[in-house]
Amino acid sequence: MNVTERRIGLEQEFFLVDEEGVISDRTDEFLQGCHLMAEAQGCNPRYFVPEFVKCMVEINTPPAYTGTELAKEYLNNLKLVC
């Protein structure tokens, strides 16, 4: 593979907790909100996915050609959920 064709991506898992710091199992509700917000902002909702346990979510990025591009995509996705 040519170096200029290489791309990088990022995925990060998060535990959902409530206001008191207790693990929450409201992943479906949280992700539904993420998907609606992503669509409203013209972003792809498929980068917000459930994990194998109900208290975790995963946020992904699309493949990027540079670290700067990757950081922008990741930070945009984080801003969407915060």
PDB file of N, CA and C in Angstrom:
ATOM      1  N   MET A   1       0.850  -1.185   0.000  1.00  0.00           N
ATOM      2  CA  MET A   1       0.000   0.000   0.000  1.00  0.00           C
ATOM      3  C   MET A   1       0.887   1.235   0.000  1.00  0.00           C
ATOM      4  N   ASN A   2       0.559   2.170  -0.817  1.00  0.00           N
ATOM      5  CA  ASN A   2       1.269   3.433  -0.900  1.00  0.00           C
ATOM      6  C   ASN A   2       1.018   4.246   0.374  1.00  0.00           C
ATOM      7  N   VAL A   3       2.041   4.888   0.900  1.00  0.00           N
ATOM      8  CA  VAL A   3       1.913   5.667   2.135  1.00  0.00           C
ATOM      9  C   VAL A   3       0.840   6.748   2.002  1.00  0.00           C
ATOM     10  N   THR A   4       0.699   7.351   0.845  1.00  0.00           N
ATOM     11  CA  THR A   4      -0.305   8.414   0.672  1.00  0.00           C
ATOM     12  C   THR A   4      -1.725   7.869   0.694  1.00  0.00           C
ATOM     13  N   GLU A   5      -1.888   6.549   0.554  1.00  0.00           N
ATOM     14  CA  GLU A   5      -3.211   5.938   0.593  1.00  0.00           C
ATOM     15  C   GLU A   5      -3.600   5.488   2.002  1.00  0.00           C
ATOM     16  N   ARG A   6      -2.682   5.498   2.916  1.00  0.00           N
ATOM     17  CA  ARG A   6      -2.979   5.059   4.278  1.00  0.00           C
ATOM     18  C   ARG A   6      -3.893   6.057   4.964  1.00  0.00           C
ATOM     19  N   ARG A   7      -4.778   5.511   5.756  1.00  0.00           N
ATOM     20  CA  ARG A   7      -5.666   6.359   6.545  1.00  0.00           C
ATOM     21  C   ARG A   7      -5.725   5.818   7.970  1.00  0.00           C
ATOM     22  N   ILE A   8      -6.134   6.663   8.862  1.00  0.00           N
ATOM     23  CA  ILE A   8      -6.239   6.266  10.267  1.00  0.00           C
ATOM     24  C   ILE A   8      -7.635   6.595  10.762  1.00  0.00           C
ATOM     25  N   GLY A   9      -8.058   5.873  11.772  1.00  0.00           N
ATOM     26  CA  GLY A   9      -9.347   6.124  12.395  1.00  0.00           C
ATOM     27  C   GLY A   9      -9.213   5.960  13.896  1.00  0.00           C
ATOM     28  N   LEU A  10     -10.255   6.322  14.578  1.00  0.00           N
ATOM     29  CA  LEU A  10     -10.224   6.270  16.036  1.00  0.00           C
ATOM     30  C   LEU A  10     -11.570   5.771  16.534  1.00  0.00           C
ATOM     31  N   GLU A  11     -11.517   4.923  17.534  1.00  0.00           N
ATOM     32  CA  GLU A  11     -12.732   4.545  18.235  1.00  0.00           C
ATOM     33  C   GLU A  11     -12.429   4.592  19.720  1.00  0.00           C
ATOM     34  N   GLN A  12     -13.404   5.054  20.464  1.00  0.00           N
ATOM     35  CA  GLN A  12     -13.214   5.149  21.904  1.00  0.00           C
ATOM     36  C   GLN A  12     -14.510   4.742  22.582  1.00  0.00           C
ATOM     37  N   GLU A  13     -14.367   3.943  23.627  1.00  0.00           N
ATOM     38  CA  GLU A  13     -15.524   3.506  24.397  1.00  0.00           C
ATOM     39  C   GLU A  13     -15.671   4.369  25.650  1.00  0.00           C
ATOM     40  N   PHE A  14     -16.912   4.631  25.989  1.00  0.00           N
ATOM     41  CA  PHE A  14     -17.230   5.435  27.170  1.00  0.00           C
ATOM     42  C   PHE A  14     -18.250   4.702  28.025  1.00  0.00           C
ATOM     43  N   PHE A  15     -18.074   4.770  29.339  1.00  0.00           N
ATOM     44  CA  PHE A  15     -19.106   4.319  30.258  1.00  0.00           C
ATOM     45  C   PHE A  15     -20.108   5.451  30.418  1.00  0.00           C
ATOM     46  N   LEU A  16     -21.371   5.120  30.447  1.00  0.00           N
ATOM     47  CA  LEU A  16     -22.391   6.115  30.752  1.00  0.00           C
ATOM     48  C   LEU A  16     -22.649   6.082  32.254  1.00  0.00           C
ATOM     49  N   VAL A  17     -22.653   7.245  32.858  1.00  0.00           N
ATOM     50  CA  VAL A  17     -22.958   7.354  34.281  1.00  0.00           C
ATOM     51  C   VAL A  17     -24.017   8.424  34.472  1.00  0.00           C
ATOM     52  N   ASP A  18     -24.766   8.315  35.559  1.00  0.00           N
ATOM     53  CA  ASP A  18     -25.769   9.338  35.848  1.00  0.00           C
ATOM     54  C   ASP A  18     -25.114  10.510  36.581  1.00  0.00           C
ATOM     55  N   GLU A  19     -25.937  11.443  37.019  1.00  0.00           N
ATOM     56  CA  GLU A  19     -25.431  12.660  37.659  1.00  0.00           C
ATOM     57  C   GLU A  19     -24.643  12.382  38.933  1.00  0.00           C
ATOM     58  N   GLU A  20     -24.910  11.228  39.552  1.00  0.00           N
ATOM     59  CA  GLU A  20     -24.226  10.873  40.797  1.00  0.00           C
ATOM     60  C   GLU A  20     -23.003   9.982  40.544  1.00  0.00           C
ATOM     61  N   GLY A  21     -22.711   9.691  39.283  1.00  0.00           N
ATOM     62  CA  GLY A  21     -21.570   8.853  38.953  1.00  0.00           C
ATOM     63  C   GLY A  21     -21.855   7.365  38.952  1.00  0.00           C
ATOM     64  N   VAL A  22     -23.122   7.005  39.044  1.00  0.00           N
ATOM     65  CA  VAL A  22     -23.513   5.601  39.044  1.00  0.00           C
ATOM     66  C   VAL A  22     -23.675   5.142  37.593  1.00  0.00           C
ATOM     67  N   ILE A  23     -23.164   3.950  37.293  1.00  0.00           N
ATOM     68  CA  ILE A  23     -23.266   3.374  35.947  1.00  0.00           C
ATOM     69  C   ILE A  23     -24.725   3.389  35.499  1.00  0.00           C
ATOM     70  N   SER A  24     -24.953   3.805  34.269  1.00  0.00           N
ATOM     71  CA  SER A  24     -26.303   3.910  33.712  1.00  0.00           C
ATOM     72  C   SER A  24     -26.491   2.909  32.580  1.00  0.00           C
ATOM     73  N   ASP A  25     -27.680   2.358  32.474  1.00  0.00           N
ATOM     74  CA  ASP A  25     -27.975   1.430  31.377  1.00  0.00           C
ATOM     75  C   ASP A  25     -28.884   2.081  30.330  1.00  0.00           C
ATOM     76  N   ARG A  26     -28.802   3.389  30.192  1.00  0.00           N
ATOM     77  CA  ARG A  26     -29.664   4.138  29.266  1.00  0.00           C
ATOM     78  C   ARG A  26     -28.976   4.393  27.917  1.00  0.00           C
ATOM     79  N   THR A  27     -28.179   3.434  27.487  1.00  0.00           N
ATOM     80  CA  THR A  27     -27.425   3.561  26.240  1.00  0.00           C
ATOM     81  C   THR A  27     -28.331   3.808  25.046  1.00  0.00           C
ATOM     82  N   ASP A  28     -29.422   3.051  24.955  1.00  0.00           N
ATOM     83  CA  ASP A  28     -30.315   3.196  23.801  1.00  0.00           C
ATOM     84  C   ASP A  28     -30.850   4.619  23.698  1.00  0.00           C
ATOM     85  N   GLU A  29     -31.271   5.169  24.819  1.00  0.00           N
ATOM     86  CA  GLU A  29     -31.784   6.541  24.852  1.00  0.00           C
ATOM     87  C   GLU A  29     -30.692   7.545  24.476  1.00  0.00           C
ATOM     88  N   PHE A  30     -29.503   7.364  25.028  1.00  0.00           N
ATOM     89  CA  PHE A  30     -28.384   8.253  24.735  1.00  0.00           C
ATOM     90  C   PHE A  30     -28.031   8.222  23.251  1.00  0.00           C
ATOM     91  N   LEU A  31     -27.920   7.003  22.692  1.00  0.00           N
ATOM     92  CA  LEU A  31     -27.550   6.875  21.281  1.00  0.00           C
ATOM     93  C   LEU A  31     -28.633   7.414  20.353  1.00  0.00           C
ATOM     94  N   GLN A  32     -29.877   7.256  20.730  1.00  0.00           N
ATOM     95  CA  GLN A  32     -30.947   7.820  19.917  1.00  0.00           C
ATOM     96  C   GLN A  32     -30.789   9.336  19.833  1.00  0.00           C
ATOM     97  N   GLY A  33     -30.482   9.962  20.965  1.00  0.00           N
ATOM     98  CA  GLY A  33     -30.227  11.402  20.971  1.00  0.00           C
ATOM     99  C   GLY A  33     -29.022  11.775  20.120  1.00  0.00           C
ATOM    100  N   CYS A  34     -27.963  10.977  20.193  1.00  0.00           N
ATOM    101  CA  CYS A  34     -26.766  11.221  19.371  1.00  0.00           C
ATOM    102  C   CYS A  34     -27.111  11.144  17.889  1.00  0.00           C
ATOM    103  N   HIS A  35     -27.872  10.132  17.518  1.00  0.00           N
ATOM    104  CA  HIS A  35     -28.227   9.949  16.113  1.00  0.00           C
ATOM    105  C   HIS A  35     -29.081  11.114  15.609  1.00  0.00           C
ATOM    106  N   LEU A  36     -30.031  11.550  16.411  1.00  0.00           N
ATOM    107  CA  LEU A  36     -30.875  12.680  16.010  1.00  0.00           C
ATOM    108  C   LEU A  36     -30.053  13.959  15.870  1.00  0.00           C
ATOM    109  N   MET A  37     -29.160  14.205  16.805  1.00  0.00           N
ATOM    110  CA  MET A  37     -28.323  15.399  16.739  1.00  0.00           C
ATOM    111  C   MET A  37     -27.368  15.338  15.554  1.00  0.00           C
ATOM    112  N   ALA A  38     -26.810  14.170  15.295  1.00  0.00           N
ATOM    113  CA  ALA A  38     -25.900  14.014  14.166  1.00  0.00           C
ATOM    114  C   ALA A  38     -26.634  14.311  12.859  1.00  0.00           C
ATOM    115  N   GLU A  39     -27.790  13.738  12.696  1.00  0.00           N
ATOM    116  CA  GLU A  39     -28.561  13.967  11.475  1.00  0.00           C
ATOM    117  C   GLU A  39     -28.933  15.432  11.327  1.00  0.00           C
ATOM    118  N   ALA A  40     -29.327  16.072  12.423  1.00  0.00           N
ATOM    119  CA  ALA A  40     -29.707  17.485  12.382  1.00  0.00           C
ATOM    120  C   ALA A  40     -28.537  18.380  11.979  1.00  0.00           C
ATOM    121  N   GLN A  41     -27.318  17.946  12.297  1.00  0.00           N
ATOM    122  CA  GLN A  41     -26.128  18.736  11.980  1.00  0.00           C
ATOM    123  C   GLN A  41     -25.433  18.256  10.705  1.00  0.00           C
ATOM    124  N   GLY A  42     -26.072  17.343   9.985  1.00  0.00           N
ATOM    125  CA  GLY A  42     -25.494  16.855   8.737  1.00  0.00           C
ATOM    126  C   GLY A  42     -24.333  15.903   8.927  1.00  0.00           C
ATOM    127  N   CYS A  43     -24.239  15.289  10.107  1.00  0.00           N
ATOM    128  CA  CYS A  43     -23.174  14.329  10.396  1.00  0.00           C
ATOM    129  C   CYS A  43     -23.710  12.908  10.228  1.00  0.00           C
ATOM    130  N   ASN A  44     -22.811  11.969  10.123  1.00  0.00           N
ATOM    131  CA  ASN A  44     -23.197  10.583   9.952  1.00  0.00           C
ATOM    132  C   ASN A  44     -23.462   9.948  11.314  1.00  0.00           C
ATOM    133  N   PRO A  45     -24.684   9.481  11.571  1.00  0.00           N
ATOM    134  CA  PRO A  45     -24.993   8.894  12.878  1.00  0.00           C
ATOM    135  C   PRO A  45     -24.358   7.535  13.127  1.00  0.00           C
ATOM    136  N   ARG A  46     -23.803   6.912  12.094  1.00  0.00           N
ATOM    137  CA  ARG A  46     -23.253   5.571  12.286  1.00  0.00           C
ATOM    138  C   ARG A  46     -21.958   5.553  13.104  1.00  0.00           C
ATOM    139  N   TYR A  47     -21.426   6.723  13.426  1.00  0.00           N
ATOM    140  CA  TYR A  47     -20.206   6.774  14.229  1.00  0.00           C
ATOM    141  C   TYR A  47     -20.486   6.747  15.729  1.00  0.00           C
ATOM    142  N   PHE A  48     -21.744   6.569  16.097  1.00  0.00           N
ATOM    143  CA  PHE A  48     -22.161   6.476  17.497  1.00  0.00           C
ATOM    144  C   PHE A  48     -22.881   5.142  17.656  1.00  0.00           C
ATOM    145  N   VAL A  49     -22.232   4.187  18.324  1.00  0.00           N
ATOM    146  CA  VAL A  49     -22.754   2.820  18.357  1.00  0.00           C
ATOM    147  C   VAL A  49     -22.734   2.251  19.777  1.00  0.00           C
ATOM    148  N   PRO A  50     -23.588   1.261  20.014  1.00  0.00           N
ATOM    149  CA  PRO A  50     -23.567   0.607  21.327  1.00  0.00           C
ATOM    150  C   PRO A  50     -22.373  -0.320  21.440  1.00  0.00           C
ATOM    151  N   GLU A  51     -22.000  -0.615  22.638  1.00  0.00           N
ATOM    152  CA  GLU A  51     -20.972  -1.610  22.921  1.00  0.00           C
ATOM    153  C   GLU A  51     -21.674  -2.887  23.366  1.00  0.00           C
ATOM    154  N   PHE A  52     -20.913  -3.885  23.741  1.00  0.00           N
ATOM    155  CA  PHE A  52     -21.492  -5.177  24.098  1.00  0.00           C
ATOM    156  C   PHE A  52     -22.192  -5.173  25.461  1.00  0.00           C
ATOM    157  N   VAL A  53     -21.961  -4.168  26.277  1.00  0.00           N
ATOM    158  CA  VAL A  53     -22.665  -4.036  27.553  1.00  0.00           C
ATOM    159  C   VAL A  53     -23.510  -2.764  27.506  1.00  0.00           C
ATOM    160  N   LYS A  54     -24.631  -2.773  28.192  1.00  0.00           N
ATOM    161  CA  LYS A  54     -25.599  -1.679  28.106  1.00  0.00           C
ATOM    162  C   LYS A  54     -25.137  -0.365  28.721  1.00  0.00           C
ATOM    163  N   CYS A  55     -24.036  -0.355  29.428  1.00  0.00           N
ATOM    164  CA  CYS A  55     -23.593   0.882  30.062  1.00  0.00           C
ATOM    165  C   CYS A  55     -22.468   1.561  29.286  1.00  0.00           C
ATOM    166  N   MET A  56     -22.184   1.072  28.067  1.00  0.00           N
ATOM    167  CA  MET A  56     -21.081   1.637  27.282  1.00  0.00           C
ATOM    168  C   MET A  56     -21.542   2.031  25.885  1.00  0.00           C
ATOM    169  N   VAL A  57     -20.918   3.093  25.384  1.00  0.00           N
ATOM    170  CA  VAL A  57     -21.125   3.507  23.998  1.00  0.00           C
ATOM    171  C   VAL A  57     -19.758   3.663  23.347  1.00  0.00           C
ATOM    172  N   GLU A  58     -19.774   3.628  22.028  1.00  0.00           N
ATOM    173  CA  GLU A  58     -18.532   3.781  21.271  1.00  0.00           C
ATOM    174  C   GLU A  58     -18.696   4.939  20.304  1.00  0.00           C
ATOM    175  N   ILE A  59     -17.701   5.788  20.253  1.00  0.00           N
ATOM    176  CA  ILE A  59     -17.681   6.896  19.298  1.00  0.00           C
ATOM    177  C   ILE A  59     -16.519   6.651  18.348  1.00  0.00           C
ATOM    178  N   ASN A  60     -16.825   6.665  17.061  1.00  0.00           N
ATOM    179  CA  ASN A  60     -15.839   6.394  16.018  1.00  0.00           C
ATOM    180  C   ASN A  60     -15.645   7.619  15.138  1.00  0.00           C
ATOM    181  N   THR A  61     -14.600   7.563  14.338  1.00  0.00           N
ATOM    182  CA  THR A  61     -14.367   8.594  13.326  1.00  0.00           C
ATOM    183  C   THR A  61     -14.339   7.935  11.958  1.00  0.00           C
ATOM    184  N   PRO A  62     -14.596   8.705  10.927  1.00  0.00           N
ATOM    185  CA  PRO A  62     -14.357   8.173   9.592  1.00  0.00           C
ATOM    186  C   PRO A  62     -12.848   8.092   9.359  1.00  0.00           C
ATOM    187  N   PRO A  63     -12.417   7.294   8.407  1.00  0.00           N
ATOM    188  CA  PRO A  63     -10.985   7.234   8.092  1.00  0.00           C
ATOM    189  C   PRO A  63     -10.459   8.615   7.687  1.00  0.00           C
ATOM    190  N   ALA A  64      -9.291   8.957   8.169  1.00  0.00           N
ATOM    191  CA  ALA A  64      -8.689  10.269   7.893  1.00  0.00           C
ATOM    192  C   ALA A  64      -7.285  10.069   7.322  1.00  0.00           C
ATOM    193  N   TYR A  65      -6.851  11.032   6.540  1.00  0.00           N
ATOM    194  CA  TYR A  65      -5.518  10.962   5.936  1.00  0.00           C
ATOM    195  C   TYR A  65      -4.431  11.558   6.827  1.00  0.00           C
ATOM    196  N   THR A  66      -4.804  12.466   7.736  1.00  0.00           N
ATOM    197  CA  THR A  66      -3.803  13.113   8.587  1.00  0.00           C
ATOM    198  C   THR A  66      -4.275  13.111  10.042  1.00  0.00           C
ATOM    199  N   GLY A  67      -3.325  13.311  10.932  1.00  0.00           N
ATOM    200  CA  GLY A  67      -3.667  13.427  12.343  1.00  0.00           C
ATOM    201  C   GLY A  67      -4.557  14.626  12.618  1.00  0.00           C
ATOM    202  N   THR A  68      -4.328  15.708  11.898  1.00  0.00           N
ATOM    203  CA  THR A  68      -5.151  16.912  12.065  1.00  0.00           C
ATOM    204  C   THR A  68      -6.589  16.643  11.642  1.00  0.00           C
ATOM    205  N   GLU A  69      -6.751  15.987  10.520  1.00  0.00           N
ATOM    206  CA  GLU A  69      -8.086  15.645  10.039  1.00  0.00           C
ATOM    207  C   GLU A  69      -8.786  14.704  11.028  1.00  0.00           C
ATOM    208  N   LEU A  70      -8.042  13.733  11.549  1.00  0.00           N
ATOM    209  CA  LEU A  70      -8.587  12.800  12.534  1.00  0.00           C
ATOM    210  C   LEU A  70      -9.033  13.535  13.794  1.00  0.00           C
ATOM    211  N   ALA A  71      -8.203  14.442  14.282  1.00  0.00           N
ATOM    212  CA  ALA A  71      -8.539  15.203  15.487  1.00  0.00           C
ATOM    213  C   ALA A  71      -9.803  16.029  15.275  1.00  0.00           C
ATOM    214  N   LYS A  72      -9.936  16.668  14.121  1.00  0.00           N
ATOM    215  CA  LYS A  72     -11.132  17.470  13.830  1.00  0.00           C
ATOM    216  C   LYS A  72     -12.391  16.606  13.849  1.00  0.00           C
ATOM    217  N   GLU A  73     -12.317  15.461  13.194  1.00  0.00           N
ATOM    218  CA  GLU A  73     -13.472  14.561  13.151  1.00  0.00           C
ATOM    219  C   GLU A  73     -13.840  14.082  14.551  1.00  0.00           C
ATOM    220  N   TYR A  74     -12.841  13.694  15.318  1.00  0.00           N
ATOM    221  CA  TYR A  74     -13.094  13.184  16.663  1.00  0.00           C
ATOM    222  C   TYR A  74     -13.682  14.267  17.566  1.00  0.00           C
ATOM    223  N   LEU A  75     -13.089  15.448  17.532  1.00  0.00           N
ATOM    224  CA  LEU A  75     -13.597  16.539  18.371  1.00  0.00           C
ATOM    225  C   LEU A  75     -14.999  16.960  17.963  1.00  0.00           C
ATOM    226  N   ASN A  76     -15.298  16.951  16.673  1.00  0.00           N
ATOM    227  CA  ASN A  76     -16.660  17.254  16.225  1.00  0.00           C
ATOM    228  C   ASN A  76     -17.652  16.241  16.777  1.00  0.00           C
ATOM    229  N   ASN A  77     -17.282  14.961  16.776  1.00  0.00           N
ATOM    230  CA  ASN A  77     -18.172  13.939  17.318  1.00  0.00           C
ATOM    231  C   ASN A  77     -18.335  14.101  18.828  1.00  0.00           C
ATOM    232  N   LEU A  78     -17.265  14.437  19.520  1.00  0.00           N
ATOM    233  CA  LEU A  78     -17.374  14.649  20.971  1.00  0.00           C
ATOM    234  C   LEU A  78     -18.255  15.852  21.293  1.00  0.00           C
ATOM    235  N   LYS A  79     -18.105  16.936  20.540  1.00  0.00           N
ATOM    236  CA  LYS A  79     -18.931  18.114  20.771  1.00  0.00           C
ATOM    237  C   LYS A  79     -20.403  17.788  20.594  1.00  0.00           C
ATOM    238  N   LEU A  80     -20.688  16.923  19.664  1.00  0.00           N
ATOM    239  CA  LEU A  80     -22.069  16.556  19.382  1.00  0.00           C
ATOM    240  C   LEU A  80     -22.719  15.873  20.585  1.00  0.00           C
ATOM    241  N   VAL A  81     -21.973  15.079  21.309  1.00  0.00           N
ATOM    242  CA  VAL A  81     -22.559  14.335  22.429  1.00  0.00           C
ATOM    243  C   VAL A  81     -22.442  15.035  23.779  1.00  0.00           C
ATOM    244  N   CYS A  82     -21.656  16.057  23.867  1.00  0.00           N
ATOM    245  CA  CYS A  82     -21.470  16.739  25.160  1.00  0.00           C
ATOM    246  C   CYS A  82     -22.470  17.840  25.392  1.00  0.00           C
TER     247      CYS A  82
END
